[in-house]
Protein backbone atom coordinates (compact mmCIF):
# COMPACT_ATOMS: atom_id res chain seq x y z
CA MET A 1 30.17 -29.09 -21.76
CA PRO A 2 27.50 -29.64 -24.47
CA ARG A 3 24.63 -27.14 -24.41
CA THR A 4 22.10 -29.87 -23.60
CA THR A 5 24.13 -30.97 -20.58
CA TYR A 6 24.55 -27.36 -19.50
CA LEU A 7 20.79 -26.80 -19.65
CA ARG A 8 20.19 -29.95 -17.62
CA GLU A 9 22.56 -28.65 -14.97
CA MET A 10 20.67 -25.35 -14.88
CA GLN A 11 17.37 -27.19 -14.47
CA HIS A 12 18.88 -29.32 -11.72
CA LEU A 13 19.86 -26.17 -9.84
CA GLN A 14 16.33 -24.85 -10.08
CA ASP A 15 14.95 -28.18 -8.84
CA GLU A 16 17.34 -28.10 -5.88
CA LEU A 17 16.23 -24.55 -5.07
CA VAL A 18 12.61 -25.72 -5.03
CA LEU A 19 13.61 -28.53 -2.68
CA LEU A 20 15.35 -26.05 -0.38
CA ALA A 21 12.23 -23.86 -0.34
CA SER A 22 10.17 -26.91 0.62
CA MET A 23 12.55 -27.76 3.47
CA VAL A 24 12.40 -24.20 4.76
CA SER A 25 8.60 -23.98 4.54
CA HIS A 26 8.30 -27.24 6.46
CA ALA A 27 10.67 -25.99 9.16
CA LEU A 28 8.71 -22.75 9.54
CA THR A 29 5.45 -24.70 9.82
CA GLN A 30 6.92 -27.00 12.44
CA SER A 31 8.26 -24.05 14.42
CA MET A 32 4.70 -22.85 14.97
CA ILE A 33 3.62 -26.27 16.18
CA ALA A 34 6.57 -26.37 18.57
CA LEU A 35 5.74 -22.92 19.89
CA LYS A 36 2.02 -23.51 20.41
CA ARG A 37 2.52 -26.93 22.03
CA HIS A 38 5.76 -26.10 23.81
CA ASP A 39 7.14 -29.21 22.11
CA ARG A 40 10.75 -29.58 23.16
CA ASP A 41 11.39 -32.65 21.01
CA LEU A 42 10.17 -30.83 17.92
CA SER A 43 12.26 -27.81 18.88
CA GLU A 44 15.36 -29.98 19.05
CA TRP A 45 14.44 -31.43 15.64
CA LEU A 46 14.28 -27.90 14.22
CA ILE A 47 17.81 -27.23 15.41
CA ARG A 48 19.09 -30.48 13.89
CA HIS A 49 17.14 -30.00 10.66
CA ASP A 50 18.73 -26.60 10.13
CA LYS A 51 22.00 -28.40 9.40
CA ASP A 52 20.30 -30.14 6.46
CA ILE A 53 19.03 -26.78 5.21
CA ASN A 54 22.51 -25.30 5.47
CA ALA A 55 24.02 -28.27 3.65
CA LYS A 56 21.51 -27.94 0.80
CA ARG A 57 22.23 -24.22 0.48
CA TYR A 58 25.99 -24.83 0.30
CA GLN A 59 25.53 -27.61 -2.25
CA ILE A 60 23.54 -25.23 -4.45
CA GLU A 61 26.23 -22.58 -4.08
CA ARG A 62 29.00 -24.99 -5.03
CA ASP A 63 27.10 -26.17 -8.11
CA CYS A 64 26.39 -22.58 -9.16
CA LEU A 65 29.99 -21.51 -8.77
CA THR A 66 31.19 -24.56 -10.69
CA LEU A 67 28.96 -23.66 -13.63
CA ILE A 68 30.08 -20.04 -13.53
CA ALA A 69 33.74 -21.03 -13.43
CA THR A 70 33.59 -23.70 -16.12
CA GLN A 71 30.97 -22.33 -18.53
CA GLN A 72 31.47 -18.56 -18.20
CA PRO A 73 27.75 -17.84 -18.69
CA MET A 74 26.62 -14.47 -19.97
CA ALA A 75 23.49 -12.32 -19.96
CA ARG A 76 20.37 -14.20 -18.84
CA ASP A 77 22.21 -17.39 -17.88
CA LEU A 78 24.50 -15.41 -15.59
CA ARG A 79 21.53 -13.60 -14.05
CA PHE A 80 19.86 -16.95 -13.48
CA LEU A 81 22.87 -18.31 -11.60
CA ALA A 82 23.31 -15.11 -9.61
CA GLY A 83 19.63 -15.26 -8.69
CA VAL A 84 19.92 -18.87 -7.54
CA LEU A 85 22.86 -17.94 -5.31
CA GLU A 86 20.99 -15.06 -3.70
CA ILE A 87 17.68 -16.87 -3.28
CA ALA A 88 19.39 -19.90 -1.72
CA GLY A 89 20.93 -17.57 0.85
CA GLU A 90 17.58 -15.92 1.61
CA LEU A 91 15.91 -19.30 2.06
CA GLU A 92 18.68 -20.47 4.37
CA ARG A 93 18.16 -17.40 6.54
CA ILE A 94 14.43 -18.19 6.83
CA GLY A 95 15.48 -21.62 8.02
CA ASP A 96 17.60 -19.93 10.67
CA TYR A 97 14.53 -18.06 11.91
CA ALA A 98 12.69 -21.37 12.33
CA LYS A 99 15.66 -22.75 14.24
CA GLY A 100 15.68 -19.62 16.38
CA ILE A 101 12.07 -20.25 17.38
CA GLY A 102 13.04 -23.78 18.37
CA ARG A 103 15.72 -22.35 20.64
CA ILE A 104 13.20 -19.91 22.11
CA VAL A 105 10.84 -22.77 22.98
CA LEU A 106 13.68 -24.59 24.73
CA ARG A 107 14.31 -21.50 26.86
CA MET A 108 10.69 -21.29 28.01
CA PRO A 109 9.98 -23.26 31.20
CA PRO A 110 7.04 -25.67 30.82
CA GLY A 111 3.72 -24.16 31.79
CA THR A 112 4.85 -20.56 31.42
CA LEU A 113 2.74 -19.78 28.35
CA ALA A 114 -0.20 -18.35 30.27
CA ARG A 115 -1.93 -16.67 27.31
CA PRO A 116 -3.01 -17.91 23.88
CA ILE A 117 -0.76 -17.03 20.96
CA VAL A 118 -2.82 -15.67 18.08
CA GLU A 119 -0.81 -13.17 16.06
CA ILE A 120 2.39 -15.21 15.64
CA PRO A 121 0.72 -18.16 13.86
CA LYS A 122 -1.26 -15.69 11.73
CA MET A 123 1.99 -13.96 10.80
CA CYS A 124 3.58 -17.28 9.91
CA GLU A 125 0.60 -18.36 7.83
CA LYS A 126 0.84 -15.16 5.82
CA VAL A 127 4.60 -15.46 5.37
CA LEU A 128 4.27 -19.08 4.21
CA ASP A 129 1.64 -18.03 1.67
CA MET A 130 3.87 -15.22 0.42
CA LEU A 131 6.82 -17.62 0.19
CA ARG A 132 4.81 -20.15 -1.79
CA ARG A 133 3.68 -17.51 -4.27
CA ALA A 134 7.15 -15.97 -4.46
CA GLN A 135 8.50 -19.39 -5.40
CA ASP A 136 5.84 -19.71 -8.09
CA ALA A 137 6.65 -16.21 -9.37
CA TYR A 138 10.32 -17.16 -9.58
CA LEU A 139 9.64 -20.37 -11.49
CA ARG A 140 7.42 -18.52 -13.98
CA LEU A 141 9.57 -15.36 -13.94
CA ASP A 142 6.35 -13.49 -13.19
CA VAL A 143 7.57 -9.93 -12.72
CA ALA A 144 4.11 -8.53 -11.92
CA ALA A 145 3.66 -11.02 -9.08
CA ALA A 146 7.17 -10.34 -7.81
CA TYR A 147 6.30 -6.66 -7.53
CA ALA A 148 2.91 -7.34 -5.90
CA ILE A 149 3.79 -9.89 -3.22
CA PRO A 150 6.04 -7.63 -1.08
CA LYS A 151 3.17 -5.17 -0.63
CA GLU A 152 1.42 -7.82 1.45
CA ASP A 153 4.23 -7.73 3.99
CA ASP A 154 2.40 -4.77 5.55
CA GLU A 155 -0.12 -7.30 6.90
CA VAL A 156 2.69 -9.16 8.64
CA ASP A 157 4.07 -5.92 10.06
CA GLU A 158 0.63 -4.91 11.34
CA LEU A 159 0.24 -8.21 13.19
CA TYR A 160 3.78 -7.89 14.53
CA ASN A 161 3.20 -4.40 15.89
CA ARG A 162 -0.14 -5.40 17.40
CA PHE A 163 1.46 -8.39 19.10
CA ASN A 164 4.25 -6.27 20.57
CA ARG A 165 1.68 -3.84 21.99
CA GLU A 166 -0.19 -6.74 23.56
CA MET A 167 3.02 -8.06 25.10
CA LEU A 168 3.86 -4.67 26.59
CA GLU A 169 0.37 -4.44 28.08
CA TRP A 170 0.69 -7.98 29.45
CA VAL A 171 3.94 -7.06 31.17
CA ARG A 172 2.40 -3.87 32.54
CA VAL A 173 -0.43 -5.84 34.14
CA ASP A 174 1.76 -8.80 35.16
CA PRO A 175 5.42 -7.78 35.55
CA ALA A 176 6.37 -11.39 36.34
CA SER A 177 5.58 -12.29 32.72
CA VAL A 178 8.41 -10.15 31.34
CA ASP A 179 10.76 -13.03 30.50
CA VAL A 180 8.16 -15.06 28.62
CA ALA A 181 6.85 -11.96 26.85
CA ASN A 182 10.39 -11.10 25.82
CA LEU A 183 10.93 -14.53 24.27
CA LEU A 184 7.60 -14.40 22.46
CA MET A 185 8.48 -11.00 21.03
CA TRP A 186 11.67 -12.52 19.65
CA ALA A 187 9.67 -15.36 18.08
CA ALA A 188 7.38 -12.81 16.43
CA HIS A 189 10.41 -10.85 15.25
CA ASN A 190 11.82 -13.95 13.57
CA ILE A 191 8.61 -14.40 11.59
CA GLU A 192 8.53 -10.71 10.68
CA ARG A 193 12.08 -10.96 9.36
CA ALA A 194 11.14 -14.06 7.35
CA GLY A 195 8.61 -11.88 5.54
CA ASP A 196 11.37 -9.43 4.69
CA ARG A 197 13.39 -12.29 3.20
CA VAL A 198 10.47 -13.15 0.93
CA THR A 199 10.63 -9.57 -0.36
CA ASN A 200 14.32 -10.10 -1.15
CA ILE A 201 13.44 -13.25 -3.10
CA CYS A 202 10.95 -11.26 -5.15
CA GLU A 203 13.61 -8.67 -5.91
CA ARG A 204 15.92 -11.40 -7.19
CA THR A 205 13.13 -12.78 -9.35
CA ILE A 206 12.78 -9.36 -10.97
CA TYR A 207 16.54 -9.24 -11.53
CA THR A 208 16.61 -12.71 -13.06
CA ALA A 209 13.79 -11.85 -15.44
CA THR A 210 14.75 -8.30 -16.40
CA GLY A 211 18.29 -7.56 -15.29
CA ASP A 212 16.98 -4.68 -13.16
CA LEU A 213 18.16 -4.37 -9.56
CA VAL A 214 15.19 -2.88 -7.73
CA GLU A 215 13.97 -2.40 -4.17
CA VAL A 216 10.30 -3.33 -3.93
CA ASP A 217 9.72 -3.26 -0.16
CA MET A 218 6.71 -0.94 0.21
CA ASN A 219 7.11 -0.61 3.96
CA SER A 220 9.46 2.26 4.72
CA GLN A 221 9.51 1.57 8.45
CA SER A 222 12.74 -0.19 9.35
CA SER A 223 12.40 -3.39 11.31
CA GLN A 224 14.11 -3.41 14.67
CA PRO A 225 14.26 -6.40 17.00
CA PRO A 226 12.67 -6.09 20.42
CA LYS A 227 14.96 -5.82 23.42
CA ALA A 228 15.84 -9.30 24.57
CA THR A 229 18.45 -11.15 26.55
CA GLY A 230 20.62 -13.87 25.05
CA SER A 231 21.08 -14.61 21.36
CA THR A 232 17.90 -16.38 20.27
CA GLY A 233 17.18 -13.72 17.66
CA ASN A 234 18.59 -13.87 14.16
CA ARG A 235 19.95 -11.18 11.89
């Protein structure tokens, strides 16, 4: 393959990764609308749309592996392709979290959301902002930004912990709310995990730019899912 063609293929992969990030961001945004409005139609769309996200991820993987097998890239080119593979996987997992929220909404009987949801949309807004800037850092190979963005995940964790405390207090005052509170805690957990995936994307950006494999998560507290029934949570 001529070098010019090879470079075009590399650029195409990056463009497809940007498209995947856009699909995932849109799904995460729609998951908040579905949750706040208890929109079952939108929740079902999220579940269907996840198949498109998965298909895009697998297409990117196939194209990456084809280039690796046929061109035997070395040094920075190989790091670029390895980074694309990893970031595509992280983005696909964020899409799974959006799908998981859609499933949670479908499990909530209409009219059961008796309290306003504040922290979850705030968490999602922060994660979406981090994801947008992580994507920009990747495109510019901005190592300083890739190191800085994960530090902001503490804000997401703070909102997550506050929300869980509020849910526990709600259940204490109104034990009948336990099922709805449980589902909402899972929705919050999905958003919290999406923030962790953004950190992983930043780590891969650093690797692509420098060749250094680093762990930049500044929050030493491990994230554990709340106790819940069923399988609406995601790994």
